[in-house]
Amino acid sequence: MKIFNYRLIIFALSIIFGVVFAMPSFLQTDSGKKINLGLDLQGGLHMLLGVNTDEAVTSKIKSYASSIKYFAQDEDILLDELSINGDTVEFSILDEDEIKKVDEMLSKIKGLDIQKPNALNYLISLSQSEKELVKDLSVSQAVETIRNRLDQFGLAEPTVIRQGETDIVVELPGIKSAAEEKAARELISQPANLEMMAVDEEIADQVYSMTPEQAALYGAVILEKSDNPNEKYLVKEIPILNGEQIIDAQVAFDQSNQPIINFTLNSSGARIFGDFTANNIGKRLAVVLDGKVYSAPNIRERIGGGSGQISGGFTLVEAGNVAIALRSGALPASVKLLEKRSVGPSLGADSIQASMIALLVGFGVVMIFMVVYYKTAGIIANIALITNIFIIVAVMAMFGATLTLPGMAGIVLTVGMAVDANVIITERIRELLQAGVSVKKAIEDGYANAMSAILDANITTLLVAVILYAYGTGPVKGFAVTISIGILASMLTAILGTHGIYEMLMNKIQKSKNIGNWFGVK
C-alpha cells in the first residue's frame, strides 16, 4: 500500500484541525474559542428602533450656528440677533466691511442654502440634498454608535443592522432578566448629547416667570436641573461646545466619593473651551446632558487643557453607562422603540434540541444508506461527512461566528450536499468498473468525470450564499455563512480527502477479488 500521498496528508491535517478547534464548542469547555449562539438559540431581546431623522437636521443647523458664533468672536465681527428659527440660522452683520469675511467663511461649508434679504441680513439653512444626506447619515451613525455602545457594555455578539430608510434592528442574545433588558434599552436609547451652554446672566433671575416662548425671543431656552425638576436655568440657545468634540470619558470619584464623569476634548474643543472661559470669568457655564443641566459652576479662571467633569448624583452604574455613551458618541437623533420581542432561554433550548434531532436523524439516515448501498465506499464517504461537520464548527468557532436556527438548517442541508458529491464520484467509478475498466483507472477517471458536475453545483450554490449574505438580515446571514463554509469543506473532504484514502488503499482494492464489497457493484 502507498500509505502517504499529498491528498491524504491534507485530509489528515483537516481532521486534526476540525477536531481540535471544534471540541470546545461540542464540549462547552471553559478554554478555547467557541461558537456563539444566536438570539433564537439561547434567548434574548429583539428590538426594532426608529430614528427621528428630522432631529439630525436641527442638530446640524445648531452646530453651524455654534461655528458661526465662534468665528465671529474669533475675528471680532459684531453680529446682531444670532438665533435659530426652526431649521434656519438668522443673523445680521453690523459692519459692512465684515461681509467679505463672513461670505468667505460660509462658502467653505458645503450644502448650505444662503439667502440675504438685504446686504447685512443672513438666512442660512441646509439645501434639500444636504438634508437628505444628513438624514441618511444619521441612521448609519446611529447604527455604529449603538453597536459601539453594546460592544463596550460587554454584550456578546450583538446584532445591529439597518432596516429600510429610518429603522434599526437590534438583537441581543443572552439577555435573560428584566434588569439586563432595562439596562440595555437605556444604554441604546441614551442620546448622550453633551453641550456646554452659557447661562444668560442678564435675565437669569426671570427664569421662573418666563415661558419658553418668551425665552426664545431672547435667543434662550429654559432647562431643568437633572436631579431637581423644580430648579431651572435660562441658557443661551446656541451651545458653546457639543459632544462631537469629546474624545474620552471615564468614571471617577469626587472628594465625597460620589461617582462623576471626567471628559476630554479634542484640540478644537479645547481651544474653544479655553477662549470662552477666558472671556467669561465670573459668569456661569451650564453642563447640559440630554437637555438637563447637571451643573452650572461659576467660571473663576481660564480653563485650559481641554478637560472637564460632569457631576449630578449619578449612581455608579449610571455613570458607567453615560461614560460609555459619551465615548462611543452621541446619537445624531433620538430613537424610539417600535417593536420589542423577547425570546426566552427555554424556547432557545427547545430550538437547539429540535435542530439537533433533525441533524442527527438526517445524518444517521444518510450514513446508513451510504454503507448499505455503497459498502466500503460508503464508509469512506461517511468519514468525509463527519470531518465536514467538524470543519464547519471549527471554522465558525475560530472566527467567533454566531450560530442561529437558520444556520443549523444550513448545516443539515450541508450534510446532504456533502454526501451528494461522494454519490456522484462513486457512481462514476461504478459505471467504469461495470464497463470493465481497471480499478486504478476507474477511480482516477471517476473523479475526473465527476469534477465538472460537482463544481457546477457547488459554485452556483456558493454564489447564491454570497448574495444572501450581502443582502440578507441576521438569520439569513447565519444560514449563508454555514452553508458557504459547508460547501468549501465538502469540496475539500469529498474531492481531496476520499481520493487520498483510495490512493492509500489502491493496492488492496486491486488485489481484492470482490469489488462489490468496495463499491457496491453487482
Protein backbone atom coordinates (compact mmCIF):
# COMPACT_ATOMS: atom_id res chain seq x y z
CA MET A 1 0.00 0.00 0.00
CA LYS A 2 1.10 3.55 -0.78
CA ILE A 3 0.40 4.87 2.68
CA PHE A 4 1.33 8.53 2.20
CA ASN A 5 0.16 10.88 -0.55
CA TYR A 6 -0.37 14.62 -0.56
CA ARG A 7 -4.18 14.28 -0.67
CA LEU A 8 -4.22 12.04 2.39
CA ILE A 9 -1.85 14.33 4.30
CA ILE A 10 -4.06 17.37 3.63
CA PHE A 11 -7.12 15.35 4.65
CA ALA A 12 -5.45 14.20 7.87
CA LEU A 13 -4.48 17.78 8.73
CA SER A 14 -8.08 18.82 8.07
CA ILE A 15 -9.32 16.17 10.50
CA ILE A 16 -6.87 17.31 13.18
CA PHE A 17 -7.83 20.96 12.63
CA GLY A 18 -11.56 20.17 12.79
CA VAL A 19 -11.33 18.08 15.96
CA VAL A 20 -9.01 20.46 17.86
CA PHE A 21 -10.97 23.63 17.16
CA ALA A 22 -14.47 22.12 17.25
CA MET A 23 -14.22 20.24 20.55
CA PRO A 24 -14.51 23.37 22.79
CA SER A 25 -17.87 24.08 21.13
CA PHE A 26 -19.07 20.49 21.36
CA LEU A 27 -17.92 20.02 24.97
CA GLN A 28 -18.55 23.66 26.05
CA THR A 29 -15.18 23.83 27.78
CA ASP A 30 -14.01 26.94 29.61
CA SER A 31 -10.95 27.33 27.39
CA GLY A 32 -10.76 27.69 23.62
CA LYS A 33 -12.84 29.57 21.10
CA LYS A 34 -16.47 28.52 20.84
CA ILE A 35 -19.39 29.22 18.55
CA ASN A 36 -21.69 31.94 19.84
CA LEU A 37 -25.35 31.02 19.93
CA GLY A 38 -27.77 33.43 18.29
CA LEU A 39 -30.87 35.02 19.76
CA ASP A 40 -33.16 32.19 18.65
CA LEU A 41 -30.97 29.51 20.26
CA GLN A 42 -30.05 31.00 23.64
CA GLY A 43 -32.82 33.54 24.12
CA GLY A 44 -32.53 37.30 24.31
CA LEU A 45 -34.07 40.55 23.14
CA HIS A 46 -35.15 41.67 19.66
CA MET A 47 -35.96 45.35 19.12
CA LEU A 48 -36.97 47.47 16.16
CA LEU A 49 -35.96 51.11 16.62
CA GLY A 50 -36.97 54.16 14.62
CA VAL A 51 -34.61 57.12 14.17
CA ASN A 52 -36.07 60.62 14.24
CA THR A 53 -34.04 61.92 11.32
CA ASP A 54 -35.56 65.42 11.47
CA GLU A 55 -33.70 65.96 14.73
CA ALA A 56 -30.41 65.29 12.95
CA VAL A 57 -31.11 68.20 10.59
CA THR A 58 -31.87 70.50 13.54
CA SER A 59 -28.70 69.35 15.30
CA LYS A 60 -26.64 70.04 12.20
CA ILE A 61 -28.04 73.57 11.93
CA LYS A 62 -27.28 74.06 15.62
CA SER A 63 -23.64 73.07 15.12
CA TYR A 64 -23.31 75.50 12.19
CA ALA A 65 -24.74 78.27 14.38
CA SER A 66 -22.08 77.50 17.03
CA SER A 67 -19.37 77.63 14.35
CA ILE A 68 -20.62 81.00 13.06
CA LYS A 69 -20.75 82.40 16.59
CA TYR A 70 -17.22 81.24 17.42
CA PHE A 71 -15.86 82.52 14.08
CA ALA A 72 -17.40 85.94 14.69
CA GLN A 73 -15.91 86.14 18.17
CA ASP A 74 -12.51 84.95 16.99
CA GLU A 75 -12.45 87.53 14.16
CA ASP A 76 -14.00 90.34 16.26
CA ILE A 77 -17.01 90.52 13.94
CA LEU A 78 -20.10 92.07 15.52
CA LEU A 79 -23.26 90.04 14.87
CA ASP A 80 -26.76 91.08 15.83
CA GLU A 81 -29.57 88.67 16.80
CA LEU A 82 -27.83 85.37 16.00
CA SER A 83 -30.63 82.87 16.53
CA ILE A 84 -32.12 79.60 15.29
CA ASN A 85 -35.63 79.65 13.89
CA GLY A 86 -36.71 76.10 13.09
CA ASP A 87 -34.16 74.80 10.57
CA THR A 88 -32.78 78.25 9.78
CA VAL A 89 -29.95 80.28 11.31
CA GLU A 90 -30.63 84.02 11.28
CA PHE A 91 -28.17 86.84 11.97
CA SER A 92 -27.18 90.31 10.88
CA ILE A 93 -23.78 91.95 10.42
CA LEU A 94 -23.35 95.40 11.90
CA ASP A 95 -20.31 96.41 9.85
CA GLU A 96 -20.45 96.21 6.03
CA ASP A 97 -16.67 95.80 5.88
CA GLU A 98 -17.00 92.35 7.54
CA ILE A 99 -19.34 90.94 4.88
CA LYS A 100 -16.46 89.59 2.80
CA LYS A 101 -15.02 87.63 5.75
CA VAL A 102 -18.40 86.08 6.60
CA ASP A 103 -19.15 85.18 2.98
CA GLU A 104 -15.73 83.58 2.62
CA MET A 105 -16.26 81.51 5.76
CA LEU A 106 -19.75 80.37 4.67
CA SER A 107 -18.52 79.45 1.19
CA LYS A 108 -16.28 76.79 2.73
CA ILE A 109 -19.28 74.95 4.20
CA LYS A 110 -20.88 72.62 1.67
CA GLY A 111 -24.61 72.07 1.41
CA LEU A 112 -25.78 75.46 2.70
CA ASP A 113 -28.70 77.39 1.25
CA ILE A 114 -27.80 81.06 1.93
CA GLN A 115 -30.39 83.79 1.47
CA LYS A 116 -29.81 87.51 2.04
CA PRO A 117 -32.94 89.67 2.30
CA ASN A 118 -30.51 92.57 2.24
CA ALA A 119 -26.75 93.06 2.32
CA LEU A 120 -26.42 92.74 6.11
CA ASN A 121 -29.03 90.05 6.94
CA TYR A 122 -28.44 86.30 6.51
CA LEU A 123 -30.85 83.36 6.46
CA ILE A 124 -28.94 80.07 6.40
CA SER A 125 -30.43 76.60 6.05
CA LEU A 126 -29.43 73.24 4.55
CA SER A 127 -30.12 72.55 0.91
CA GLN A 128 -32.65 69.78 0.21
CA SER A 129 -29.96 67.38 -1.00
CA GLU A 130 -27.88 68.10 2.12
CA LYS A 131 -30.92 67.45 4.35
CA GLU A 132 -31.45 64.06 2.72
CA LEU A 133 -27.75 63.26 3.14
CA VAL A 134 -27.81 64.29 6.81
CA LYS A 135 -30.88 62.11 7.44
CA ASP A 136 -29.30 59.12 5.72
CA LEU A 137 -26.03 59.56 7.61
CA SER A 138 -27.88 59.95 10.91
CA VAL A 139 -29.27 56.40 10.60
CA SER A 140 -25.87 54.98 9.62
CA GLN A 141 -24.21 56.83 12.50
CA ALA A 142 -26.89 55.61 14.91
CA VAL A 143 -26.16 52.01 13.85
CA GLU A 144 -22.43 52.43 14.51
CA THR A 145 -23.00 54.31 17.78
CA ILE A 146 -25.39 51.68 19.16
CA ARG A 147 -23.06 48.87 18.07
CA ASN A 148 -20.07 50.55 19.78
CA ARG A 149 -22.03 51.08 22.98
CA LEU A 150 -23.14 47.46 23.15
CA ASP A 151 -19.60 46.23 22.44
CA GLN A 152 -18.22 48.35 25.29
CA PHE A 153 -21.09 47.26 27.54
CA GLY A 154 -19.79 43.71 27.17
CA LEU A 155 -22.70 42.02 25.39
CA ALA A 156 -21.59 39.06 23.28
CA GLU A 157 -22.22 39.26 19.55
CA PRO A 158 -24.98 41.89 19.41
CA THR A 159 -26.61 42.30 16.00
CA VAL A 160 -27.26 45.90 14.93
CA ILE A 161 -28.36 46.37 11.33
CA ARG A 162 -30.21 48.99 9.35
CA GLN A 163 -33.65 48.16 8.01
CA GLY A 164 -35.25 50.46 5.46
CA GLU A 165 -34.65 54.20 5.50
CA THR A 166 -35.07 55.08 9.18
CA ASP A 167 -35.29 51.82 11.18
CA ILE A 168 -32.67 49.77 13.03
CA VAL A 169 -32.93 46.13 14.13
CA VAL A 170 -31.11 45.27 17.37
CA GLU A 171 -30.75 41.67 18.59
CA LEU A 172 -29.13 40.97 21.96
CA PRO A 173 -28.53 37.27 22.65
CA GLY A 174 -28.15 36.28 26.28
CA ILE A 175 -30.44 38.95 27.78
CA LYS A 176 -32.36 36.86 30.30
CA SER A 177 -33.59 39.14 33.10
CA ALA A 178 -35.75 42.26 33.23
CA ALA A 179 -32.86 44.18 34.81
CA GLU A 180 -30.49 43.28 31.96
CA GLU A 181 -33.14 44.25 29.42
CA LYS A 182 -33.73 47.60 31.11
CA ALA A 183 -30.00 48.40 31.25
CA ALA A 184 -29.53 47.52 27.58
CA ARG A 185 -32.53 49.59 26.47
CA GLU A 186 -31.39 52.61 28.47
CA LEU A 187 -27.89 52.37 27.03
CA ILE A 188 -29.21 52.12 23.48
CA SER A 189 -31.71 54.95 23.77
CA GLN A 190 -29.48 57.35 25.74
CA PRO A 191 -28.86 60.29 23.37
CA ALA A 192 -25.70 61.26 25.32
CA ASN A 193 -25.86 64.72 23.82
CA LEU A 194 -23.42 66.75 25.91
CA GLU A 195 -23.47 70.52 25.50
CA MET A 196 -21.70 73.41 27.20
CA MET A 197 -24.17 76.30 27.30
CA ALA A 198 -23.72 79.81 28.63
CA VAL A 199 -26.18 80.89 31.33
CA ASP A 200 -27.93 84.10 30.24
CA GLU A 201 -26.90 86.14 33.27
CA GLU A 202 -28.74 89.30 32.14
CA ILE A 203 -32.22 87.79 32.52
CA ALA A 204 -31.40 84.66 34.55
CA ASP A 205 -33.48 85.87 37.51
CA GLN A 206 -36.60 85.91 35.31
CA VAL A 207 -36.45 82.19 34.54
CA TYR A 208 -39.33 81.24 36.88
CA SER A 209 -41.67 83.90 35.50
CA MET A 210 -40.86 83.34 31.84
CA THR A 211 -42.47 80.99 29.33
CA PRO A 212 -40.39 79.03 26.78
CA GLU A 213 -41.84 81.22 24.03
CA GLN A 214 -40.70 84.37 25.83
CA ALA A 215 -37.25 82.88 26.40
CA ALA A 216 -36.98 82.14 22.67
CA LEU A 217 -37.41 85.86 21.94
CA TYR A 218 -34.12 86.42 23.80
CA GLY A 219 -32.42 83.52 21.98
CA ALA A 220 -32.54 81.39 25.12
CA VAL A 221 -34.07 78.13 26.39
CA ILE A 222 -35.28 77.05 29.82
CA LEU A 223 -33.74 73.80 31.13
CA GLU A 224 -34.37 71.82 34.32
CA LYS A 225 -31.82 70.59 36.82
CA SER A 226 -31.12 66.88 36.36
CA ASP A 227 -31.89 65.90 39.97
CA ASN A 228 -34.46 68.61 40.73
CA PRO A 229 -37.09 69.49 38.08
CA ASN A 230 -38.17 72.50 40.14
CA GLU A 231 -34.77 74.14 39.72
CA LYS A 232 -34.45 75.81 36.32
CA TYR A 233 -31.80 77.58 34.30
CA LEU A 234 -32.05 80.08 31.45
CA VAL A 235 -29.26 79.31 28.98
CA LYS A 236 -28.42 80.70 25.58
CA GLU A 237 -29.84 78.53 22.81
CA ILE A 238 -26.64 78.21 20.79
CA PRO A 239 -24.19 75.95 22.68
CA ILE A 240 -20.53 76.75 23.17
CA LEU A 241 -19.49 73.11 22.68
CA ASN A 242 -21.19 69.80 21.96
CA GLY A 243 -20.38 66.12 22.27
CA GLU A 244 -18.69 65.97 18.87
CA GLN A 245 -15.54 67.41 20.47
CA ILE A 246 -15.31 64.68 23.17
CA ILE A 247 -12.56 62.09 22.65
CA ASP A 248 -12.73 60.30 26.01
CA ALA A 249 -14.94 59.93 29.08
CA GLN A 250 -14.17 57.95 32.23
CA VAL A 251 -15.86 57.35 35.58
CA ALA A 252 -14.09 58.86 38.60
CA PHE A 253 -14.96 59.87 42.16
CA ASP A 254 -15.11 63.30 43.77
CA GLN A 255 -13.89 64.24 47.26
CA SER A 256 -17.08 62.89 48.84
CA ASN A 257 -16.60 59.58 47.00
CA GLN A 258 -19.55 60.20 44.64
CA PRO A 259 -19.30 58.99 41.01
CA ILE A 260 -18.51 61.69 38.45
CA ILE A 261 -17.54 61.62 34.78
CA ASN A 262 -14.28 63.14 33.60
CA PHE A 263 -14.23 64.02 29.91
CA THR A 264 -11.52 65.14 27.49
CA LEU A 265 -11.99 67.39 24.46
CA ASN A 266 -10.15 67.33 21.15
CA SER A 267 -7.80 70.16 20.17
CA SER A 268 -10.56 72.21 18.53
CA GLY A 269 -12.88 71.82 21.51
CA ALA A 270 -10.08 72.62 23.97
CA ARG A 271 -9.30 75.85 22.14
CA ILE A 272 -12.96 76.97 22.06
CA PHE A 273 -13.41 75.99 25.72
CA GLY A 274 -10.29 77.85 26.76
CA ASP A 275 -11.21 81.02 24.85
CA PHE A 276 -14.77 81.07 26.18
CA THR A 277 -13.78 80.63 29.82
CA ALA A 278 -11.09 83.30 29.47
CA ASN A 279 -13.66 85.81 28.15
CA ASN A 280 -16.42 84.98 30.63
CA ILE A 281 -14.79 84.93 34.06
CA GLY A 282 -17.39 85.41 36.79
CA LYS A 283 -20.23 84.00 34.67
CA ARG A 284 -21.76 80.55 34.77
CA LEU A 285 -21.33 77.73 32.29
CA ALA A 286 -24.03 75.06 32.29
CA VAL A 287 -23.02 71.43 31.67
CA VAL A 288 -26.05 70.02 29.85
CA LEU A 289 -26.57 66.33 29.12
CA ASP A 290 -29.61 65.30 27.08
CA GLY A 291 -31.42 68.56 27.74
CA LYS A 292 -30.92 68.62 31.53
CA VAL A 293 -28.47 70.77 33.49
CA TYR A 294 -26.13 68.66 35.63
CA SER A 295 -24.09 71.55 36.97
CA ALA A 296 -23.63 75.27 36.32
CA PRO A 297 -20.38 76.35 38.01
CA ASN A 298 -19.01 79.89 38.03
CA ILE A 299 -16.00 80.42 35.78
CA ARG A 300 -13.19 81.56 38.07
CA GLU A 301 -10.35 81.47 35.57
CA ARG A 302 -9.43 80.31 32.09
CA ILE A 303 -9.81 76.53 31.86
CA GLY A 304 -7.14 75.11 29.59
CA GLY A 305 -6.12 71.53 28.86
CA GLY A 306 -9.42 70.61 27.26
CA SER A 307 -10.90 68.60 30.12
CA GLY A 308 -13.85 68.88 32.46
CA GLN A 309 -16.21 66.85 34.59
CA ILE A 310 -19.92 66.09 34.95
CA SER A 311 -21.38 65.62 38.42
CA GLY A 312 -25.01 65.27 39.33
CA GLY A 313 -25.89 62.48 41.72
CA PHE A 314 -25.02 59.57 39.43
CA THR A 315 -25.09 56.02 40.68
CA LEU A 316 -22.01 54.02 39.71
CA VAL A 317 -23.97 52.11 37.04
CA GLU A 318 -25.50 55.29 35.62
CA ALA A 319 -22.10 57.00 35.48
CA GLY A 320 -20.64 53.97 33.70
CA ASN A 321 -23.41 53.91 31.10
CA VAL A 322 -23.15 57.65 30.46
CA ALA A 323 -19.36 57.38 30.09
CA ILE A 324 -19.79 54.56 27.57
CA ALA A 325 -22.36 56.61 25.66
CA LEU A 326 -20.08 59.67 25.60
CA ARG A 327 -17.05 57.65 24.45
CA SER A 328 -18.97 55.95 21.65
CA GLY A 329 -20.51 59.25 20.54
CA ALA A 330 -23.87 60.90 20.88
CA LEU A 331 -26.76 59.64 18.84
CA PRO A 332 -27.26 62.09 15.96
CA ALA A 333 -31.02 61.84 16.54
CA SER A 334 -33.29 60.26 19.13
CA VAL A 335 -34.50 56.70 18.66
CA LYS A 336 -37.88 55.30 19.63
CA LEU A 337 -38.87 51.71 20.28
CA LEU A 338 -41.22 50.50 17.54
CA GLU A 339 -41.29 46.82 18.40
CA LYS A 340 -39.91 44.57 21.14
CA ARG A 341 -39.81 40.80 21.25
CA SER A 342 -38.25 38.66 23.96
CA VAL A 343 -37.11 35.08 23.33
CA GLY A 344 -36.87 33.01 26.50
CA PRO A 345 -33.95 30.66 27.20
CA SER A 346 -36.33 27.69 27.35
CA LEU A 347 -37.57 28.41 23.84
CA GLY A 348 -33.96 28.65 22.70
CA ALA A 349 -33.18 25.30 24.34
CA ASP A 350 -36.18 23.73 22.58
CA SER A 351 -34.91 25.10 19.26
CA ILE A 352 -31.47 23.58 19.85
CA GLN A 353 -32.99 20.23 20.80
CA ALA A 354 -35.25 20.15 17.75
CA SER A 355 -32.39 21.17 15.45
CA MET A 356 -30.03 18.57 16.92
CA ILE A 357 -32.65 15.85 16.49
CA ALA A 358 -33.11 16.87 12.84
CA LEU A 359 -29.34 16.94 12.29
CA LEU A 360 -28.72 13.57 13.98
CA VAL A 361 -31.63 11.84 12.26
CA GLY A 362 -30.66 13.22 8.85
CA PHE A 363 -27.02 12.42 9.49
CA GLY A 364 -27.80 8.88 10.67
CA VAL A 365 -30.12 8.04 7.75
CA VAL A 366 -27.59 9.29 5.21
CA MET A 367 -24.73 7.30 6.82
CA ILE A 368 -26.77 4.09 6.96
CA PHE A 369 -27.84 4.48 3.33
CA MET A 370 -24.25 5.08 2.19
CA VAL A 371 -22.95 1.96 3.96
CA VAL A 372 -25.81 -0.28 2.78
CA TYR A 373 -25.70 0.88 -0.82
CA TYR A 374 -22.00 1.61 -1.41
CA LYS A 375 -20.38 -0.75 1.14
CA THR A 376 -16.75 0.31 1.91
CA ALA A 377 -17.02 3.36 -0.38
CA GLY A 378 -19.95 4.43 1.79
CA ILE A 379 -17.82 4.13 4.93
CA ILE A 380 -15.13 6.31 3.30
CA ALA A 381 -17.80 8.85 2.33
CA ASN A 382 -19.09 8.85 5.93
CA ILE A 383 -15.59 9.60 7.23
CA ALA A 384 -15.53 12.62 4.91
CA LEU A 385 -19.01 13.60 6.09
CA ILE A 386 -18.05 13.52 9.79
CA THR A 387 -14.89 15.51 9.02
CA ASN A 388 -17.05 18.02 7.19
CA ILE A 389 -19.15 18.70 10.31
CA PHE A 390 -16.05 19.16 12.46
CA ILE A 391 -14.52 21.61 9.96
CA ILE A 392 -17.72 23.71 9.81
CA VAL A 393 -17.88 24.01 13.60
CA ALA A 394 -14.11 24.65 13.86
CA VAL A 395 -14.10 27.47 11.29
CA MET A 396 -17.16 29.13 12.84
CA ALA A 397 -15.59 28.92 16.30
CA MET A 398 -12.28 30.37 15.07
CA PHE A 399 -13.97 33.43 13.61
CA GLY A 400 -16.38 33.82 16.54
CA ALA A 401 -19.38 33.35 14.25
CA THR A 402 -22.91 33.27 15.64
CA LEU A 403 -24.94 30.12 15.10
CA THR A 404 -28.65 30.74 14.54
CA LEU A 405 -31.56 28.42 13.85
CA PRO A 406 -31.31 29.02 10.07
CA GLY A 407 -27.58 28.37 10.48
CA MET A 408 -28.32 24.94 11.90
CA ALA A 409 -30.64 24.37 8.96
CA GLY A 410 -27.67 25.24 6.75
CA ILE A 411 -25.60 22.55 8.46
CA VAL A 412 -28.35 19.98 7.91
CA LEU A 413 -28.50 20.99 4.24
CA THR A 414 -24.71 20.78 4.01
CA VAL A 415 -24.86 17.13 5.10
CA GLY A 416 -26.96 16.35 2.04
CA MET A 417 -24.75 18.40 -0.27
CA ALA A 418 -21.54 16.85 1.08
CA VAL A 419 -22.76 13.30 0.52
CA ASP A 420 -24.06 14.28 -2.91
CA ALA A 421 -20.50 14.83 -4.16
CA ASN A 422 -19.49 11.37 -2.88
CA VAL A 423 -22.52 9.80 -4.56
CA ILE A 424 -21.61 11.35 -7.93
CA ILE A 425 -17.97 10.21 -7.64
CA THR A 426 -18.86 6.67 -6.54
CA GLU A 427 -21.46 6.29 -9.29
CA ARG A 428 -18.90 7.33 -11.92
CA ILE A 429 -16.44 4.76 -10.52
CA ARG A 430 -19.12 2.04 -10.52
CA GLU A 431 -20.06 2.79 -14.15
CA LEU A 432 -16.44 2.45 -15.25
CA LEU A 433 -15.93 -0.77 -13.26
CA GLN A 434 -19.07 -2.27 -14.81
CA ALA A 435 -17.65 -1.35 -18.23
CA GLY A 436 -14.59 -3.49 -17.47
CA VAL A 437 -12.11 -0.68 -16.72
CA SER A 438 -9.30 -1.43 -14.24
CA VAL A 439 -9.77 -0.33 -10.65
CA LYS A 440 -7.00 2.28 -10.75
CA LYS A 441 -8.23 3.85 -13.98
CA ALA A 442 -11.87 3.68 -12.81
CA ILE A 443 -11.03 5.64 -9.66
CA GLU A 444 -8.91 8.25 -11.46
CA ASP A 445 -11.39 8.72 -14.32
CA GLY A 446 -14.33 8.60 -11.90
CA TYR A 447 -13.02 11.62 -10.02
CA ALA A 448 -12.15 13.41 -13.27
CA ASN A 449 -15.59 12.79 -14.81
CA ALA A 450 -17.46 13.81 -11.65
CA MET A 451 -15.49 17.03 -11.16
CA SER A 452 -17.46 19.23 -13.56
CA ALA A 453 -20.84 18.30 -12.09
CA ILE A 454 -19.61 18.78 -8.50
CA LEU A 455 -18.00 22.15 -9.25
CA ASP A 456 -21.07 23.44 -11.12
CA ALA A 457 -23.43 22.51 -8.29
CA ASN A 458 -21.21 23.86 -5.50
CA ILE A 459 -20.11 27.09 -7.20
CA THR A 460 -23.67 28.10 -8.12
CA THR A 461 -24.84 27.36 -4.56
CA LEU A 462 -21.87 29.30 -3.17
CA LEU A 463 -22.75 32.32 -5.32
CA VAL A 464 -26.32 32.26 -4.01
CA ALA A 465 -24.97 32.06 -0.44
CA VAL A 466 -22.75 35.11 -1.06
CA ILE A 467 -25.77 37.07 -2.35
CA LEU A 468 -27.82 36.01 0.68
CA TYR A 469 -25.04 37.20 2.99
CA ALA A 470 -24.67 40.52 1.18
CA TYR A 471 -28.37 41.42 1.14
CA GLY A 472 -29.92 39.33 3.91
CA THR A 473 -30.62 40.18 7.54
CA GLY A 474 -29.11 38.49 10.63
CA PRO A 475 -30.69 34.98 10.49
CA VAL A 476 -30.33 34.81 6.69
CA LYS A 477 -26.68 35.79 7.03
CA GLY A 478 -26.25 32.94 9.53
CA PHE A 479 -27.67 30.47 7.01
CA ALA A 480 -25.40 31.86 4.29
CA VAL A 481 -22.29 31.59 6.48
CA THR A 482 -22.84 27.96 7.49
CA ILE A 483 -23.75 26.77 4.01
CA SER A 484 -20.74 28.61 2.49
CA ILE A 485 -18.32 27.02 4.96
CA GLY A 486 -20.04 23.67 4.42
CA ILE A 487 -19.67 23.86 0.63
CA LEU A 488 -15.95 24.66 0.81
CA ALA A 489 -15.41 21.97 3.46
CA SER A 490 -17.32 19.36 1.44
CA MET A 491 -15.21 20.04 -1.66
CA LEU A 492 -12.08 19.53 0.45
CA THR A 493 -13.27 16.33 2.10
CA ALA A 494 -15.21 14.76 -0.80
CA ILE A 495 -12.85 15.57 -3.67
CA LEU A 496 -9.45 15.63 -1.98
CA GLY A 497 -9.95 13.59 1.17
CA THR A 498 -11.70 10.48 -0.19
CA HIS A 499 -9.39 10.45 -3.23
CA GLY A 500 -6.41 10.31 -0.86
CA ILE A 501 -7.94 7.36 1.01
CA TYR A 502 -8.50 5.48 -2.25
CA GLU A 503 -4.87 6.10 -3.26
CA MET A 504 -3.72 4.72 0.09
CA LEU A 505 -5.87 1.61 -0.36
CA MET A 506 -5.25 1.20 -4.13
CA ASN A 507 -3.11 -1.97 -3.96
CA LYS A 508 -5.52 -3.63 -1.56
CA ILE A 509 -8.52 -2.79 -3.76
CA GLN A 510 -6.75 -4.06 -6.90
CA LYS A 511 -5.88 -7.38 -5.22
CA SER A 512 -9.42 -7.82 -3.93
CA LYS A 513 -11.50 -10.37 -5.75
CA ASN A 514 -14.77 -8.85 -4.56
CA ILE A 515 -15.13 -5.32 -5.92
CA GLY A 516 -18.76 -5.38 -4.80
CA ASN A 517 -17.68 -5.09 -1.16
CA TRP A 518 -15.69 -1.97 -2.02
CA PHE A 519 -18.14 -0.08 -4.23
CA GLY A 520 -21.41 -1.98 -4.03
CA VAL A 521 -21.08 -3.08 -7.66
CA LYS A 522 -23.20 -6.10 -8.53
